[in-house]
Protein backbone atom coordinates (compact mmCIF):
# COMPACT_ATOMS: atom_id res chain seq x y z
CA MET A 1 23.14 10.80 -53.65
CA SER A 2 23.33 14.72 -54.53
CA LEU A 3 23.07 13.47 -58.31
CA LEU A 4 19.27 11.73 -57.56
CA SER A 5 18.15 15.09 -55.62
CA TYR A 6 19.36 17.11 -58.73
CA LEU A 7 17.44 15.22 -60.84
CA LEU A 8 14.18 15.13 -59.09
CA SER A 9 14.79 18.69 -58.50
CA LEU A 10 15.31 19.66 -62.18
CA PRO A 11 12.16 22.09 -63.83
CA HIS A 12 10.56 20.24 -66.90
CA LEU A 13 11.61 21.33 -70.51
CA ILE A 14 9.71 24.33 -71.66
CA SER A 15 11.07 25.76 -74.53
CA PHE A 16 12.68 22.92 -76.19
CA ASN A 17 11.81 21.00 -79.36
CA GLU A 18 8.62 19.03 -78.09
CA TYR A 19 10.63 15.57 -79.34
CA PHE A 20 13.26 16.29 -77.80
CA ARG A 21 11.88 17.48 -74.39
CA LEU A 22 10.25 15.15 -74.61
CA LEU A 23 13.05 12.52 -74.88
CA SER A 24 14.83 14.94 -72.24
CA GLU A 25 12.27 13.95 -69.99
CA SER A 26 12.15 9.88 -70.40
CA THR A 27 16.17 9.70 -70.30
CA ARG A 28 15.51 12.10 -66.54
CA TYR A 29 13.34 9.45 -65.26
CA ALA A 30 14.75 5.90 -67.06
CA THR A 31 17.92 7.24 -64.76
CA LEU A 32 16.02 7.44 -61.62
CA LEU A 33 14.59 4.41 -61.92
CA HIS A 34 17.74 2.65 -63.64
CA VAL A 35 19.23 3.29 -60.21
CA PHE A 36 16.13 2.93 -57.81
CA ALA A 37 14.37 0.08 -58.46
CA PRO A 38 16.84 -2.44 -57.81
CA TRP A 39 16.74 -1.23 -54.93
CA ARG A 40 12.55 -2.09 -54.74
CA GLY A 41 11.66 -4.15 -51.07
CA LEU A 42 15.10 -3.04 -49.09
CA PRO A 43 14.77 -0.91 -46.63
CA PRO A 44 13.85 2.20 -46.48
CA ASP A 45 11.80 1.03 -48.87
CA ALA A 46 11.05 2.93 -51.89
CA THR A 47 8.27 1.12 -54.29
CA LEU A 48 5.58 4.27 -53.47
CA ALA A 49 8.52 6.37 -54.84
CA ILE A 50 9.65 3.80 -57.74
CA SER A 51 5.67 3.84 -58.94
CA HIS A 52 5.30 7.37 -59.04
CA LEU A 53 8.82 7.83 -60.96
CA LEU A 54 6.89 4.89 -62.97
CA HIS A 55 4.19 6.59 -64.27
CA ARG A 56 6.16 10.48 -64.83
CA LEU A 57 8.08 8.16 -66.72
CA ILE A 58 5.24 7.29 -68.91
CA SER A 59 3.62 10.19 -68.82
CA PHE A 60 6.40 11.50 -71.05
CA LEU A 61 7.14 8.01 -73.32
CA GLN A 62 3.68 7.84 -74.37
CA PRO A 63 3.48 10.72 -76.73
CA LEU A 64 7.50 10.37 -76.94
CA LEU A 65 6.36 7.09 -78.91
CA VAL A 66 3.76 8.72 -81.20
CA LEU A 67 6.10 11.66 -82.68
CA LYS A 68 9.59 8.86 -82.92
CA LEU A 69 7.55 8.09 -85.53
CA GLU A 70 7.32 11.16 -87.31
CA ASP A 71 10.42 12.91 -86.33
CA GLN A 72 13.08 10.00 -86.50
CA ARG A 73 12.56 9.15 -89.83
CA ALA A 74 13.60 13.36 -90.88
CA MET A 75 16.85 12.84 -88.24
CA GLU A 76 20.93 11.34 -90.17
CA GLY A 77 22.02 8.04 -90.18
CA GLU A 78 24.07 8.23 -87.22
CA MET A 79 21.80 10.30 -84.98
CA GLN A 80 19.19 8.40 -85.94
CA SER A 81 20.95 5.41 -84.67
CA GLU A 82 21.63 6.31 -81.43
CA ILE A 83 18.50 7.74 -80.38
CA SER A 84 16.44 4.51 -81.32
CA THR A 85 19.49 2.74 -78.60
CA LEU A 86 18.22 5.10 -76.43
CA ILE A 87 14.49 4.79 -76.11
CA PHE A 88 15.01 0.94 -76.65
CA TRP A 89 16.97 1.61 -73.00
CA ILE A 90 14.48 4.03 -71.45
CA VAL A 91 11.48 1.21 -72.19
CA ALA A 92 13.56 -1.36 -71.09
CA VAL A 93 14.12 0.30 -67.82
CA GLY A 94 10.65 1.68 -67.32
CA GLY A 95 10.17 -2.01 -68.12
CA ILE A 96 12.29 -3.64 -65.25
CA ALA A 97 11.15 -0.56 -63.04
CA ALA A 98 7.32 -1.63 -64.16
CA LYS A 99 7.92 -5.35 -62.89
CA GLY A 100 5.33 -7.56 -60.62
CA ALA A 101 3.44 -4.17 -61.99
CA PRO A 102 0.06 -4.72 -64.40
CA GLU A 103 2.70 -1.49 -66.61
CA TRP A 104 5.25 -4.85 -67.17
CA LYS A 105 3.08 -6.09 -69.97
CA TRP A 106 2.58 -2.78 -71.54
CA PHE A 107 7.05 -2.42 -71.66
CA ALA A 108 6.89 -5.84 -73.13
CA GLY A 109 4.41 -4.99 -75.85
CA ARG A 110 6.62 -1.93 -76.41
CA LEU A 111 9.47 -3.52 -76.49
CA LYS A 112 8.60 -6.53 -78.66
CA ASP A 113 7.96 -4.13 -81.16
CA MET A 114 10.90 -2.44 -81.04
CA CYS A 115 12.78 -5.36 -80.54
CA ASP A 116 11.47 -6.06 -84.03
CA GLU A 117 11.64 -2.88 -86.23
CA LEU A 118 15.08 -2.76 -84.77
CA GLY A 119 16.48 -6.25 -86.03
CA VAL A 120 16.31 -7.86 -81.89
CA LYS A 121 16.29 -11.28 -82.10
CA VAL A 122 18.27 -12.83 -79.47
CA TRP A 123 19.34 -12.23 -76.32
CA ASN A 124 23.08 -11.02 -77.45
CA ASP A 125 20.90 -8.27 -79.03
CA TRP A 126 18.79 -7.08 -76.88
CA GLN A 127 21.90 -6.69 -74.80
CA GLU A 128 24.32 -5.37 -77.23
CA ILE A 129 22.17 -2.17 -77.35
CA VAL A 130 20.89 -1.62 -73.46
CA GLN A 131 25.10 -1.91 -72.62
CA ARG A 132 25.39 1.26 -75.07
CA ALA A 133 23.21 3.08 -72.20
CA ILE A 134 23.72 2.43 -68.68
CA TRP A 135 23.99 -0.92 -67.45
CA HIS A 136 25.88 -2.93 -64.34
CA ASP A 137 26.50 -6.52 -64.85
CA ILE A 138 25.94 -8.33 -61.85
CA LEU A 139 22.92 -5.80 -61.32
CA CYS A 140 20.95 -5.40 -64.73
CA LYS A 141 21.79 -8.55 -66.96
CA PRO A 142 19.27 -10.59 -64.29
CA LEU A 143 16.10 -8.51 -64.79
CA HIS A 144 16.70 -7.74 -68.10
CA LYS A 145 16.22 -11.35 -69.04
CA GLN A 146 13.65 -11.42 -67.56
CA LEU A 147 12.49 -8.43 -69.19
CA TRP A 148 13.65 -10.30 -72.30
CA ASN A 149 11.75 -13.32 -71.51
CA GLU A 150 8.29 -11.85 -71.23
CA VAL A 151 9.29 -10.46 -75.27
CA GLN A 152 9.97 -13.86 -76.19
CA LEU A 153 6.46 -15.00 -74.70
CA LEU A 154 4.64 -12.33 -76.86
CA ARG A 155 6.51 -12.76 -79.85
CA ASP A 156 5.19 -17.10 -79.11
CA GLN A 157 1.58 -15.47 -78.25
CA ASP A 158 1.98 -13.49 -82.20
CA ASN A 159 3.13 -16.35 -84.37
CA ALA A 160 0.47 -18.48 -82.78
CA LEU A 161 -2.27 -16.27 -83.77
CA GLU A 162 -0.49 -15.98 -86.77
CA ILE A 163 -0.02 -19.33 -87.63
CA HIS A 164 -4.13 -20.13 -86.32
CA ARG A 165 -5.27 -17.19 -88.53
CA GLY A 166 -3.04 -19.07 -91.41
CA ASP A 167 -5.12 -22.24 -90.58
CA SER A 168 -8.38 -20.70 -90.66
CA ASP A 169 -8.05 -18.69 -94.15
CA VAL A 170 -7.39 -22.33 -95.68
């Protein structure tokens, strides 16, 4: 519990490069959510704390995802790959924490785009990425699998739209 208290008490970074400041803060809130989210609904109920952490994560993650496109192009290959893995994990953890909340669809939409960018086509690809960060098979796998299924539904909807557009062009 002392690690959680420490992460919650850290002051926000000020003098850091904006991209890495946002990445650091997003990582901090994703780590807290990774620990708290599985216990939602159990006494003492952490739902309010999870909601607060989730909104803090989103506040750092939204601008990070915009900057990601610009700043990652300038990075070397391996560093770019490692940061992409970390950001994918952060967004996935946020999605899991948002289960049952309106933000669930936002996270699933970002993950769908990231899966397309990273070439994630099957569950094993997803699992391989998130296991490079923090992963506990019994705790994480069912929740990540639900989020993966939501991403697949979004892909299916996009594919149906593409087919429909193609039919109307003929």
